[in-house]
């Protein structure tokens, strides 16, 4: 559960990254 909370936080940040930046 602790690790899943960290993973969720990382996923939220990933969603904030513009797709073109992520692709680059």
PDBML (XML) file of the C-alpha atoms, coordinates in Angstrom:
<?xml version="1.0" encoding="UTF-8" ?>
<PDBx:datablock datablockName="MODEL"
   xmlns:PDBx="http://pdbml.pdb.org/schema/pdbx-v50.xsd"
   xmlns:xsi="http://www.w3.org/2001/XMLSchema-instance"
   xsi:schemaLocation="http://pdbml.pdb.org/schema/pdbx-v50.xsd pdbx-v50.xsd">
   <PDBx:atom_siteCategory>
      <PDBx:atom_site id="1">
         <PDBx:B_iso_or_equiv>0.00</PDBx:B_iso_or_equiv>
         <PDBx:Cartn_x>0.000</PDBx:Cartn_x>
         <PDBx:Cartn_y>0.000</PDBx:Cartn_y>
         <PDBx:Cartn_z>0.000</PDBx:Cartn_z>
         <PDBx:auth_asym_id>A</PDBx:auth_asym_id>
         <PDBx:auth_atom_id>CA</PDBx:auth_atom_id>
         <PDBx:auth_comp_id>UNK</PDBx:auth_comp_id>
         <PDBx:auth_seq_id>1</PDBx:auth_seq_id>
         <PDBx:group_PDB>ATOM</PDBx:group_PDB>
         <PDBx:label_alt_id xsi:nil="true" />
         <PDBx:label_asym_id>A</PDBx:label_asym_id>
         <PDBx:label_atom_id>CA</PDBx:label_atom_id>
         <PDBx:label_comp_id>UNK</PDBx:label_comp_id>
         <PDBx:label_entity_id>1</PDBx:label_entity_id>
         <PDBx:label_seq_id>1</PDBx:label_seq_id>
         <PDBx:occupancy>1.00</PDBx:occupancy>
         <PDBx:pdbx_PDB_model_num>1</PDBx:pdbx_PDB_model_num>
         <PDBx:type_symbol>C</PDBx:type_symbol>
      </PDBx:atom_site>
      <PDBx:atom_site id="2">
         <PDBx:B_iso_or_equiv>0.00</PDBx:B_iso_or_equiv>
         <PDBx:Cartn_x>2.859</PDBx:Cartn_x>
         <PDBx:Cartn_y>2.347</PDBx:Cartn_y>
         <PDBx:Cartn_z>0.810</PDBx:Cartn_z>
         <PDBx:auth_asym_id>A</PDBx:auth_asym_id>
         <PDBx:auth_atom_id>CA</PDBx:auth_atom_id>
         <PDBx:auth_comp_id>UNK</PDBx:auth_comp_id>
         <PDBx:auth_seq_id>2</PDBx:auth_seq_id>
         <PDBx:group_PDB>ATOM</PDBx:group_PDB>
         <PDBx:label_alt_id xsi:nil="true" />
         <PDBx:label_asym_id>A</PDBx:label_asym_id>
         <PDBx:label_atom_id>CA</PDBx:label_atom_id>
         <PDBx:label_comp_id>UNK</PDBx:label_comp_id>
         <PDBx:label_entity_id>1</PDBx:label_entity_id>
         <PDBx:label_seq_id>2</PDBx:label_seq_id>
         <PDBx:occupancy>1.00</PDBx:occupancy>
         <PDBx:pdbx_PDB_model_num>1</PDBx:pdbx_PDB_model_num>
         <PDBx:type_symbol>C</PDBx:type_symbol>
      </PDBx:atom_site>
      <PDBx:atom_site id="3">
         <PDBx:B_iso_or_equiv>0.00</PDBx:B_iso_or_equiv>
         <PDBx:Cartn_x>4.516</PDBx:Cartn_x>
         <PDBx:Cartn_y>1.561</PDBx:Cartn_y>
         <PDBx:Cartn_z>-2.504</PDBx:Cartn_z>
         <PDBx:auth_asym_id>A</PDBx:auth_asym_id>
         <PDBx:auth_atom_id>CA</PDBx:auth_atom_id>
         <PDBx:auth_comp_id>UNK</PDBx:auth_comp_id>
         <PDBx:auth_seq_id>3</PDBx:auth_seq_id>
         <PDBx:group_PDB>ATOM</PDBx:group_PDB>
         <PDBx:label_alt_id xsi:nil="true" />
         <PDBx:label_asym_id>A</PDBx:label_asym_id>
         <PDBx:label_atom_id>CA</PDBx:label_atom_id>
         <PDBx:label_comp_id>UNK</PDBx:label_comp_id>
         <PDBx:label_entity_id>1</PDBx:label_entity_id>
         <PDBx:label_seq_id>3</PDBx:label_seq_id>
         <PDBx:occupancy>1.00</PDBx:occupancy>
         <PDBx:pdbx_PDB_model_num>1</PDBx:pdbx_PDB_model_num>
         <PDBx:type_symbol>C</PDBx:type_symbol>
      </PDBx:atom_site>
      <PDBx:atom_site id="4">
         <PDBx:B_iso_or_equiv>0.00</PDBx:B_iso_or_equiv>
         <PDBx:Cartn_x>1.221</PDBx:Cartn_x>
         <PDBx:Cartn_y>1.923</PDBx:Cartn_y>
         <PDBx:Cartn_z>-4.384</PDBx:Cartn_z>
         <PDBx:auth_asym_id>A</PDBx:auth_asym_id>
         <PDBx:auth_atom_id>CA</PDBx:auth_atom_id>
         <PDBx:auth_comp_id>UNK</PDBx:auth_comp_id>
         <PDBx:auth_seq_id>4</PDBx:auth_seq_id>
         <PDBx:group_PDB>ATOM</PDBx:group_PDB>
         <PDBx:label_alt_id xsi:nil="true" />
         <PDBx:label_asym_id>A</PDBx:label_asym_id>
         <PDBx:label_atom_id>CA</PDBx:label_atom_id>
         <PDBx:label_comp_id>UNK</PDBx:label_comp_id>
         <PDBx:label_entity_id>1</PDBx:label_entity_id>
         <PDBx:label_seq_id>4</PDBx:label_seq_id>
         <PDBx:occupancy>1.00</PDBx:occupancy>
         <PDBx:pdbx_PDB_model_num>1</PDBx:pdbx_PDB_model_num>
         <PDBx:type_symbol>C</PDBx:type_symbol>
      </PDBx:atom_site>
      <PDBx:atom_site id="5">
         <PDBx:B_iso_or_equiv>0.00</PDBx:B_iso_or_equiv>
         <PDBx:Cartn_x>0.770</PDBx:Cartn_x>
         <PDBx:Cartn_y>5.410</PDBx:Cartn_y>
         <PDBx:Cartn_z>-2.894</PDBx:Cartn_z>
         <PDBx:auth_asym_id>A</PDBx:auth_asym_id>
         <PDBx:auth_atom_id>CA</PDBx:auth_atom_id>
         <PDBx:auth_comp_id>UNK</PDBx:auth_comp_id>
         <PDBx:auth_seq_id>5</PDBx:auth_seq_id>
         <PDBx:group_PDB>ATOM</PDBx:group_PDB>
         <PDBx:label_alt_id xsi:nil="true" />
         <PDBx:label_asym_id>A</PDBx:label_asym_id>
         <PDBx:label_atom_id>CA</PDBx:label_atom_id>
         <PDBx:label_comp_id>UNK</PDBx:label_comp_id>
         <PDBx:label_entity_id>1</PDBx:label_entity_id>
         <PDBx:label_seq_id>5</PDBx:label_seq_id>
         <PDBx:occupancy>1.00</PDBx:occupancy>
         <PDBx:pdbx_PDB_model_num>1</PDBx:pdbx_PDB_model_num>
         <PDBx:type_symbol>C</PDBx:type_symbol>
      </PDBx:atom_site>
      <PDBx:atom_site id="6">
         <PDBx:B_iso_or_equiv>0.00</PDBx:B_iso_or_equiv>
         <PDBx:Cartn_x>4.209</PDBx:Cartn_x>
         <PDBx:Cartn_y>6.337</PDBx:Cartn_y>
         <PDBx:Cartn_z>-4.203</PDBx:Cartn_z>
         <PDBx:auth_asym_id>A</PDBx:auth_asym_id>
         <PDBx:auth_atom_id>CA</PDBx:auth_atom_id>
         <PDBx:auth_comp_id>UNK</PDBx:auth_comp_id>
         <PDBx:auth_seq_id>6</PDBx:auth_seq_id>
         <PDBx:group_PDB>ATOM</PDBx:group_PDB>
         <PDBx:label_alt_id xsi:nil="true" />
         <PDBx:label_asym_id>A</PDBx:label_asym_id>
         <PDBx:label_atom_id>CA</PDBx:label_atom_id>
         <PDBx:label_comp_id>UNK</PDBx:label_comp_id>
         <PDBx:label_entity_id>1</PDBx:label_entity_id>
         <PDBx:label_seq_id>6</PDBx:label_seq_id>
         <PDBx:occupancy>1.00</PDBx:occupancy>
         <PDBx:pdbx_PDB_model_num>1</PDBx:pdbx_PDB_model_num>
         <PDBx:type_symbol>C</PDBx:type_symbol>
      </PDBx:atom_site>
      <PDBx:atom_site id="7">
         <PDBx:B_iso_or_equiv>0.00</PDBx:B_iso_or_equiv>
         <PDBx:Cartn_x>3.364</PDBx:Cartn_x>
         <PDBx:Cartn_y>4.799</PDBx:Cartn_y>
         <PDBx:Cartn_z>-7.570</PDBx:Cartn_z>
         <PDBx:auth_asym_id>A</PDBx:auth_asym_id>
         <PDBx:auth_atom_id>CA</PDBx:auth_atom_id>
         <PDBx:auth_comp_id>UNK</PDBx:auth_comp_id>
         <PDBx:auth_seq_id>7</PDBx:auth_seq_id>
         <PDBx:group_PDB>ATOM</PDBx:group_PDB>
         <PDBx:label_alt_id xsi:nil="true" />
         <PDBx:label_asym_id>A</PDBx:label_asym_id>
         <PDBx:label_atom_id>CA</PDBx:label_atom_id>
         <PDBx:label_comp_id>UNK</PDBx:label_comp_id>
         <PDBx:label_entity_id>1</PDBx:label_entity_id>
         <PDBx:label_seq_id>7</PDBx:label_seq_id>
         <PDBx:occupancy>1.00</PDBx:occupancy>
         <PDBx:pdbx_PDB_model_num>1</PDBx:pdbx_PDB_model_num>
         <PDBx:type_symbol>C</PDBx:type_symbol>
      </PDBx:atom_site>
      <PDBx:atom_site id="8">
         <PDBx:B_iso_or_equiv>0.00</PDBx:B_iso_or_equiv>
         <PDBx:Cartn_x>0.099</PDBx:Cartn_x>
         <PDBx:Cartn_y>6.805</PDBx:Cartn_y>
         <PDBx:Cartn_z>-7.740</PDBx:Cartn_z>
         <PDBx:auth_asym_id>A</PDBx:auth_asym_id>
         <PDBx:auth_atom_id>CA</PDBx:auth_atom_id>
         <PDBx:auth_comp_id>UNK</PDBx:auth_comp_id>
         <PDBx:auth_seq_id>8</PDBx:auth_seq_id>
         <PDBx:group_PDB>ATOM</PDBx:group_PDB>
         <PDBx:label_alt_id xsi:nil="true" />
         <PDBx:label_asym_id>A</PDBx:label_asym_id>
         <PDBx:label_atom_id>CA</PDBx:label_atom_id>
         <PDBx:label_comp_id>UNK</PDBx:label_comp_id>
         <PDBx:label_entity_id>1</PDBx:label_entity_id>
         <PDBx:label_seq_id>8</PDBx:label_seq_id>
         <PDBx:occupancy>1.00</PDBx:occupancy>
         <PDBx:pdbx_PDB_model_num>1</PDBx:pdbx_PDB_model_num>
         <PDBx:type_symbol>C</PDBx:type_symbol>
      </PDBx:atom_site>
      <PDBx:atom_site id="9">
         <PDBx:B_iso_or_equiv>0.00</PDBx:B_iso_or_equiv>
         <PDBx:Cartn_x>2.018</PDBx:Cartn_x>
         <PDBx:Cartn_y>9.987</PDBx:Cartn_y>
         <PDBx:Cartn_z>-7.031</PDBx:Cartn_z>
         <PDBx:auth_asym_id>A</PDBx:auth_asym_id>
         <PDBx:auth_atom_id>CA</PDBx:auth_atom_id>
         <PDBx:auth_comp_id>UNK</PDBx:auth_comp_id>
         <PDBx:auth_seq_id>9</PDBx:auth_seq_id>
         <PDBx:group_PDB>ATOM</PDBx:group_PDB>
         <PDBx:label_alt_id xsi:nil="true" />
         <PDBx:label_asym_id>A</PDBx:label_asym_id>
         <PDBx:label_atom_id>CA</PDBx:label_atom_id>
         <PDBx:label_comp_id>UNK</PDBx:label_comp_id>
         <PDBx:label_entity_id>1</PDBx:label_entity_id>
         <PDBx:label_seq_id>9</PDBx:label_seq_id>
         <PDBx:occupancy>1.00</PDBx:occupancy>
         <PDBx:pdbx_PDB_model_num>1</PDBx:pdbx_PDB_model_num>
         <PDBx:type_symbol>C</PDBx:type_symbol>
      </PDBx:atom_site>
      <PDBx:atom_site id="10">
         <PDBx:B_iso_or_equiv>0.00</PDBx:B_iso_or_equiv>
         <PDBx:Cartn_x>4.420</PDBx:Cartn_x>
         <PDBx:Cartn_y>9.172</PDBx:Cartn_y>
         <PDBx:Cartn_z>-9.865</PDBx:Cartn_z>
         <PDBx:auth_asym_id>A</PDBx:auth_asym_id>
         <PDBx:auth_atom_id>CA</PDBx:auth_atom_id>
         <PDBx:auth_comp_id>UNK</PDBx:auth_comp_id>
         <PDBx:auth_seq_id>10</PDBx:auth_seq_id>
         <PDBx:group_PDB>ATOM</PDBx:group_PDB>
         <PDBx:label_alt_id xsi:nil="true" />
         <PDBx:label_asym_id>A</PDBx:label_asym_id>
         <PDBx:label_atom_id>CA</PDBx:label_atom_id>
         <PDBx:label_comp_id>UNK</PDBx:label_comp_id>
         <PDBx:label_entity_id>1</PDBx:label_entity_id>
         <PDBx:label_seq_id>10</PDBx:label_seq_id>
         <PDBx:occupancy>1.00</PDBx:occupancy>
         <PDBx:pdbx_PDB_model_num>1</PDBx:pdbx_PDB_model_num>
         <PDBx:type_symbol>C</PDBx:type_symbol>
      </PDBx:atom_site>
      <PDBx:atom_site id="11">
         <PDBx:B_iso_or_equiv>0.00</PDBx:B_iso_or_equiv>
         <PDBx:Cartn_x>1.527</PDBx:Cartn_x>
         <PDBx:Cartn_y>8.429</PDBx:Cartn_y>
         <PDBx:Cartn_z>-12.231</PDBx:Cartn_z>
         <PDBx:auth_asym_id>A</PDBx:auth_asym_id>
         <PDBx:auth_atom_id>CA</PDBx:auth_atom_id>
         <PDBx:auth_comp_id>UNK</PDBx:auth_comp_id>
         <PDBx:auth_seq_id>11</PDBx:auth_seq_id>
         <PDBx:group_PDB>ATOM</PDBx:group_PDB>
         <PDBx:label_alt_id xsi:nil="true" />
         <PDBx:label_asym_id>A</PDBx:label_asym_id>
         <PDBx:label_atom_id>CA</PDBx:label_atom_id>
         <PDBx:label_comp_id>UNK</PDBx:label_comp_id>
         <PDBx:label_entity_id>1</PDBx:label_entity_id>
         <PDBx:label_seq_id>11</PDBx:label_seq_id>
         <PDBx:occupancy>1.00</PDBx:occupancy>
         <PDBx:pdbx_PDB_model_num>1</PDBx:pdbx_PDB_model_num>
         <PDBx:type_symbol>C</PDBx:type_symbol>
      </PDBx:atom_site>
      <PDBx:atom_site id="12">
         <PDBx:B_iso_or_equiv>0.00</PDBx:B_iso_or_equiv>
         <PDBx:Cartn_x>-0.099</PDBx:Cartn_x>
         <PDBx:Cartn_y>11.794</PDBx:Cartn_y>
         <PDBx:Cartn_z>-11.387</PDBx:Cartn_z>
         <PDBx:auth_asym_id>A</PDBx:auth_asym_id>
         <PDBx:auth_atom_id>CA</PDBx:auth_atom_id>
         <PDBx:auth_comp_id>UNK</PDBx:auth_comp_id>
         <PDBx:auth_seq_id>12</PDBx:auth_seq_id>
         <PDBx:group_PDB>ATOM</PDBx:group_PDB>
         <PDBx:label_alt_id xsi:nil="true" />
         <PDBx:label_asym_id>A</PDBx:label_asym_id>
         <PDBx:label_atom_id>CA</PDBx:label_atom_id>
         <PDBx:label_comp_id>UNK</PDBx:label_comp_id>
         <PDBx:label_entity_id>1</PDBx:label_entity_id>
         <PDBx:label_seq_id>12</PDBx:label_seq_id>
         <PDBx:occupancy>1.00</PDBx:occupancy>
         <PDBx:pdbx_PDB_model_num>1</PDBx:pdbx_PDB_model_num>
         <PDBx:type_symbol>C</PDBx:type_symbol>
      </PDBx:atom_site>
      <PDBx:atom_site id="13">
         <PDBx:B_iso_or_equiv>0.00</PDBx:B_iso_or_equiv>
         <PDBx:Cartn_x>3.127</PDBx:Cartn_x>
         <PDBx:Cartn_y>13.576</PDBx:Cartn_y>
         <PDBx:Cartn_z>-12.308</PDBx:Cartn_z>
         <PDBx:auth_asym_id>A</PDBx:auth_asym_id>
         <PDBx:auth_atom_id>CA</PDBx:auth_atom_id>
         <PDBx:auth_comp_id>UNK</PDBx:auth_comp_id>
         <PDBx:auth_seq_id>13</PDBx:auth_seq_id>
         <PDBx:group_PDB>ATOM</PDBx:group_PDB>
         <PDBx:label_alt_id xsi:nil="true" />
         <PDBx:label_asym_id>A</PDBx:label_asym_id>
         <PDBx:label_atom_id>CA</PDBx:label_atom_id>
         <PDBx:label_comp_id>UNK</PDBx:label_comp_id>
         <PDBx:label_entity_id>1</PDBx:label_entity_id>
         <PDBx:label_seq_id>13</PDBx:label_seq_id>
         <PDBx:occupancy>1.00</PDBx:occupancy>
         <PDBx:pdbx_PDB_model_num>1</PDBx:pdbx_PDB_model_num>
         <PDBx:type_symbol>C</PDBx:type_symbol>
      </PDBx:atom_site>
      <PDBx:atom_site id="14">
         <PDBx:B_iso_or_equiv>0.00</PDBx:B_iso_or_equiv>
         <PDBx:Cartn_x>3.445</PDBx:Cartn_x>
         <PDBx:Cartn_y>11.566</PDBx:Cartn_y>
         <PDBx:Cartn_z>-15.518</PDBx:Cartn_z>
         <PDBx:auth_asym_id>A</PDBx:auth_asym_id>
         <PDBx:auth_atom_id>CA</PDBx:auth_atom_id>
         <PDBx:auth_comp_id>UNK</PDBx:auth_comp_id>
         <PDBx:auth_seq_id>14</PDBx:auth_seq_id>
         <PDBx:group_PDB>ATOM</PDBx:group_PDB>
         <PDBx:label_alt_id xsi:nil="true" />
         <PDBx:label_asym_id>A</PDBx:label_asym_id>
         <PDBx:label_atom_id>CA</PDBx:label_atom_id>
         <PDBx:label_comp_id>UNK</PDBx:label_comp_id>
         <PDBx:label_entity_id>1</PDBx:label_entity_id>
         <PDBx:label_seq_id>14</PDBx:label_seq_id>
         <PDBx:occupancy>1.00</PDBx:occupancy>
         <PDBx:pdbx_PDB_model_num>1</PDBx:pdbx_PDB_model_num>
         <PDBx:type_symbol>C</PDBx:type_symbol>
      </PDBx:atom_site>
      <PDBx:atom_site id="15">
         <PDBx:B_iso_or_equiv>0.00</PDBx:B_iso_or_equiv>
         <PDBx:Cartn_x>-0.048</PDBx:Cartn_x>
         <PDBx:Cartn_y>12.723</PDBx:Cartn_y>
         <PDBx:Cartn_z>-16.534</PDBx:Cartn_z>
         <PDBx:auth_asym_id>A</PDBx:auth_asym_id>
         <PDBx:auth_atom_id>CA</PDBx:auth_atom_id>
         <PDBx:auth_comp_id>UNK</PDBx:auth_comp_id>
         <PDBx:auth_seq_id>15</PDBx:auth_seq_id>
         <PDBx:group_PDB>ATOM</PDBx:group_PDB>
         <PDBx:label_alt_id xsi:nil="true" />
         <PDBx:label_asym_id>A</PDBx:label_asym_id>
         <PDBx:label_atom_id>CA</PDBx:label_atom_id>
         <PDBx:label_comp_id>UNK</PDBx:label_comp_id>
         <PDBx:label_entity_id>1</PDBx:label_entity_id>
         <PDBx:label_seq_id>15</PDBx:label_seq_id>
         <PDBx:occupancy>1.00</PDBx:occupancy>
         <PDBx:pdbx_PDB_model_num>1</PDBx:pdbx_PDB_model_num>
         <PDBx:type_symbol>C</PDBx:type_symbol>
      </PDBx:atom_site>
      <PDBx:atom_site id="16">
         <PDBx:B_iso_or_equiv>0.00</PDBx:B_iso_or_equiv>
         <PDBx:Cartn_x>1.033</PDBx:Cartn_x>
         <PDBx:Cartn_y>16.352</PDBx:Cartn_y>
         <PDBx:Cartn_z>-16.070</PDBx:Cartn_z>
         <PDBx:auth_asym_id>A</PDBx:auth_asym_id>
         <PDBx:auth_atom_id>CA</PDBx:auth_atom_id>
         <PDBx:auth_comp_id>UNK</PDBx:auth_comp_id>
         <PDBx:auth_seq_id>16</PDBx:auth_seq_id>
         <PDBx:group_PDB>ATOM</PDBx:group_PDB>
         <PDBx:label_alt_id xsi:nil="true" />
         <PDBx:label_asym_id>A</PDBx:label_asym_id>
         <PDBx:label_atom_id>CA</PDBx:label_atom_id>
         <PDBx:label_comp_id>UNK</PDBx:label_comp_id>
         <PDBx:label_entity_id>1</PDBx:label_entity_id>
         <PDBx:label_seq_id>16</PDBx:label_seq_id>
         <PDBx:occupancy>1.00</PDBx:occupancy>
         <PDBx:pdbx_PDB_model_num>1</PDBx:pdbx_PDB_model_num>
         <PDBx:type_symbol>C</PDBx:type_symbol>
      </PDBx:atom_site>
      <PDBx:atom_site id="17">
         <PDBx:B_iso_or_equiv>0.00</PDBx:B_iso_or_equiv>
         <PDBx:Cartn_x>3.951</PDBx:Cartn_x>
         <PDBx:Cartn_y>15.986</PDBx:Cartn_y>
         <PDBx:Cartn_z>-18.482</PDBx:Cartn_z>
         <PDBx:auth_asym_id>A</PDBx:auth_asym_id>
         <PDBx:auth_atom_id>CA</PDBx:auth_atom_id>
         <PDBx:auth_comp_id>UNK</PDBx:auth_comp_id>
         <PDBx:auth_seq_id>17</PDBx:auth_seq_id>
         <PDBx:group_PDB>ATOM</PDBx:group_PDB>
         <PDBx:label_alt_id xsi:nil="true" />
         <PDBx:label_asym_id>A</PDBx:label_asym_id>
         <PDBx:label_atom_id>CA</PDBx:label_atom_id>
         <PDBx:label_comp_id>UNK</PDBx:label_comp_id>
         <PDBx:label_entity_id>1</PDBx:label_entity_id>
         <PDBx:label_seq_id>17</PDBx:label_seq_id>
         <PDBx:occupancy>1.00</PDBx:occupancy>
         <PDBx:pdbx_PDB_model_num>1</PDBx:pdbx_PDB_model_num>
         <PDBx:type_symbol>C</PDBx:type_symbol>
      </PDBx:atom_site>
      <PDBx:atom_site id="18">
         <PDBx:B_iso_or_equiv>0.00</PDBx:B_iso_or_equiv>
         <PDBx:Cartn_x>2.965</PDBx:Cartn_x>
         <PDBx:Cartn_y>17.152</PDBx:Cartn_y>
         <PDBx:Cartn_z>-21.976</PDBx:Cartn_z>
         <PDBx:auth_asym_id>A</PDBx:auth_asym_id>
         <PDBx:auth_atom_id>CA</PDBx:auth_atom_id>
         <PDBx:auth_comp_id>UNK</PDBx:auth_comp_id>
         <PDBx:auth_seq_id>18</PDBx:auth_seq_id>
         <PDBx:group_PDB>ATOM</PDBx:group_PDB>
         <PDBx:label_alt_id xsi:nil="true" />
         <PDBx:label_asym_id>A</PDBx:label_asym_id>
         <PDBx:label_atom_id>CA</PDBx:label_atom_id>
         <PDBx:label_comp_id>UNK</PDBx:label_comp_id>
         <PDBx:label_entity_id>1</PDBx:label_entity_id>
         <PDBx:label_seq_id>18</PDBx:label_seq_id>
         <PDBx:occupancy>1.00</PDBx:occupancy>
         <PDBx:pdbx_PDB_model_num>1</PDBx:pdbx_PDB_model_num>
         <PDBx:type_symbol>C</PDBx:type_symbol>
      </PDBx:atom_site>
      <PDBx:atom_site id="19">
         <PDBx:B_iso_or_equiv>0.00</PDBx:B_iso_or_equiv>
         <PDBx:Cartn_x>2.904</PDBx:Cartn_x>
         <PDBx:Cartn_y>14.203</PDBx:Cartn_y>
         <PDBx:Cartn_z>-24.435</PDBx:Cartn_z>
         <PDBx:auth_asym_id>A</PDBx:auth_asym_id>
         <PDBx:auth_atom_id>CA</PDBx:auth_atom_id>
         <PDBx:auth_comp_id>UNK</PDBx:auth_comp_id>
         <PDBx:auth_seq_id>19</PDBx:auth_seq_id>
         <PDBx:group_PDB>ATOM</PDBx:group_PDB>
         <PDBx:label_alt_id xsi:nil="true" />
         <PDBx:label_asym_id>A</PDBx:label_asym_id>
         <PDBx:label_atom_id>CA</PDBx:label_atom_id>
         <PDBx:label_comp_id>UNK</PDBx:label_comp_id>
         <PDBx:label_entity_id>1</PDBx:label_entity_id>
         <PDBx:label_seq_id>19</PDBx:label_seq_id>
         <PDBx:occupancy>1.00</PDBx:occupancy>
         <PDBx:pdbx_PDB_model_num>1</PDBx:pdbx_PDB_model_num>
         <PDBx:type_symbol>C</PDBx:type_symbol>
      </PDBx:atom_site>
      <PDBx:atom_site id="20">
         <PDBx:B_iso_or_equiv>0.00</PDBx:B_iso_or_equiv>
         <PDBx:Cartn_x>5.476</PDBx:Cartn_x>
         <PDBx:Cartn_y>15.799</PDBx:Cartn_y>
         <PDBx:Cartn_z>-26.736</PDBx:Cartn_z>
         <PDBx:auth_asym_id>A</PDBx:auth_asym_id>
         <PDBx:auth_atom_id>CA</PDBx:auth_atom_id>
         <PDBx:auth_comp_id>UNK</PDBx:auth_comp_id>
         <PDBx:auth_seq_id>20</PDBx:auth_seq_id>
         <PDBx:group_PDB>ATOM</PDBx:group_PDB>
         <PDBx:label_alt_id xsi:nil="true" />
         <PDBx:label_asym_id>A</PDBx:label_asym_id>
         <PDBx:label_atom_id>CA</PDBx:label_atom_id>
         <PDBx:label_comp_id>UNK</PDBx:label_comp_id>
         <PDBx:label_entity_id>1</PDBx:label_entity_id>
         <PDBx:label_seq_id>20</PDBx:label_seq_id>
         <PDBx:occupancy>1.00</PDBx:occupancy>
         <PDBx:pdbx_PDB_model_num>1</PDBx:pdbx_PDB_model_num>
         <PDBx:type_symbol>C</PDBx:type_symbol>
      </PDBx:atom_site>
      <PDBx:atom_site id="21">
         <PDBx:B_iso_or_equiv>0.00</PDBx:B_iso_or_equiv>
         <PDBx:Cartn_x>7.916</PDBx:Cartn_x>
         <PDBx:Cartn_y>16.232</PDBx:Cartn_y>
         <PDBx:Cartn_z>-23.826</PDBx:Cartn_z>
         <PDBx:auth_asym_id>A</PDBx:auth_asym_id>
         <PDBx:auth_atom_id>CA</PDBx:auth_atom_id>
         <PDBx:auth_comp_id>UNK</PDBx:auth_comp_id>
         <PDBx:auth_seq_id>21</PDBx:auth_seq_id>
         <PDBx:group_PDB>ATOM</PDBx:group_PDB>
         <PDBx:label_alt_id xsi:nil="true" />
         <PDBx:label_asym_id>A</PDBx:label_asym_id>
         <PDBx:label_atom_id>CA</PDBx:label_atom_id>
         <PDBx:label_comp_id>UNK</PDBx:label_comp_id>
         <PDBx:label_entity_id>1</PDBx:label_entity_id>
         <PDBx:label_seq_id>21</PDBx:label_seq_id>
         <PDBx:occupancy>1.00</PDBx:occupancy>
         <PDBx:pdbx_PDB_model_num>1</PDBx:pdbx_PDB_model_num>
         <PDBx:type_symbol>C</PDBx:type_symbol>
      </PDBx:atom_site>
      <PDBx:atom_site id="22">
         <PDBx:B_iso_or_equiv>0.00</PDBx:B_iso_or_equiv>
         <PDBx:Cartn_x>7.363</PDBx:Cartn_x>
         <PDBx:Cartn_y>12.639</PDBx:Cartn_y>
         <PDBx:Cartn_z>-22.734</PDBx:Cartn_z>
         <PDBx:auth_asym_id>A</PDBx:auth_asym_id>
         <PDBx:auth_atom_id>CA</PDBx:auth_atom_id>
         <PDBx:auth_comp_id>UNK</PDBx:auth_comp_id>
         <PDBx:auth_seq_id>22</PDBx:auth_seq_id>
         <PDBx:group_PDB>ATOM</PDBx:group_PDB>
         <PDBx:label_alt_id xsi:nil="true" />
         <PDBx:label_asym_id>A</PDBx:label_asym_id>
         <PDBx:label_atom_id>CA</PDBx:label_atom_id>
         <PDBx:label_comp_id>UNK</PDBx:label_comp_id>
         <PDBx:label_entity_id>1</PDBx:label_entity_id>
         <PDBx:label_seq_id>22</PDBx:label_seq_id>
         <PDBx:occupancy>1.00</PDBx:occupancy>
         <PDBx:pdbx_PDB_model_num>1</PDBx:pdbx_PDB_model_num>
         <PDBx:type_symbol>C</PDBx:type_symbol>
      </PDBx:atom_site>
      <PDBx:atom_site id="23">
         <PDBx:B_iso_or_equiv>0.00</PDBx:B_iso_or_equiv>
         <PDBx:Cartn_x>7.960</PDBx:Cartn_x>
         <PDBx:Cartn_y>11.427</PDBx:Cartn_y>
         <PDBx:Cartn_z>-26.279</PDBx:Cartn_z>
         <PDBx:auth_asym_id>A</PDBx:auth_asym_id>
         <PDBx:auth_atom_id>CA</PDBx:auth_atom_id>
         <PDBx:auth_comp_id>UNK</PDBx:auth_comp_id>
         <PDBx:auth_seq_id>23</PDBx:auth_seq_id>
         <PDBx:group_PDB>ATOM</PDBx:group_PDB>
         <PDBx:label_alt_id xsi:nil="true" />
         <PDBx:label_asym_id>A</PDBx:label_asym_id>
         <PDBx:label_atom_id>CA</PDBx:label_atom_id>
         <PDBx:label_comp_id>UNK</PDBx:label_comp_id>
         <PDBx:label_entity_id>1</PDBx:label_entity_id>
         <PDBx:label_seq_id>23</PDBx:label_seq_id>
         <PDBx:occupancy>1.00</PDBx:occupancy>
         <PDBx:pdbx_PDB_model_num>1</PDBx:pdbx_PDB_model_num>
         <PDBx:type_symbol>C</PDBx:type_symbol>
      </PDBx:atom_site>
      <PDBx:atom_site id="24">
         <PDBx:B_iso_or_equiv>0.00</PDBx:B_iso_or_equiv>
         <PDBx:Cartn_x>11.170</PDBx:Cartn_x>
         <PDBx:Cartn_y>13.472</PDBx:Cartn_y>
         <PDBx:Cartn_z>-26.512</PDBx:Cartn_z>
         <PDBx:auth_asym_id>A</PDBx:auth_asym_id>
         <PDBx:auth_atom_id>CA</PDBx:auth_atom_id>
         <PDBx:auth_comp_id>UNK</PDBx:auth_comp_id>
         <PDBx:auth_seq_id>24</PDBx:auth_seq_id>
         <PDBx:group_PDB>ATOM</PDBx:group_PDB>
         <PDBx:label_alt_id xsi:nil="true" />
         <PDBx:label_asym_id>A</PDBx:label_asym_id>
         <PDBx:label_atom_id>CA</PDBx:label_atom_id>
         <PDBx:label_comp_id>UNK</PDBx:label_comp_id>
         <PDBx:label_entity_id>1</PDBx:label_entity_id>
         <PDBx:label_seq_id>24</PDBx:label_seq_id>
         <PDBx:occupancy>1.00</PDBx:occupancy>
         <PDBx:pdbx_PDB_model_num>1</PDBx:pdbx_PDB_model_num>
         <PDBx:type_symbol>C</PDBx:type_symbol>
      </PDBx:atom_site>
   </PDBx:atom_siteCategory>
</PDBx:datablock>
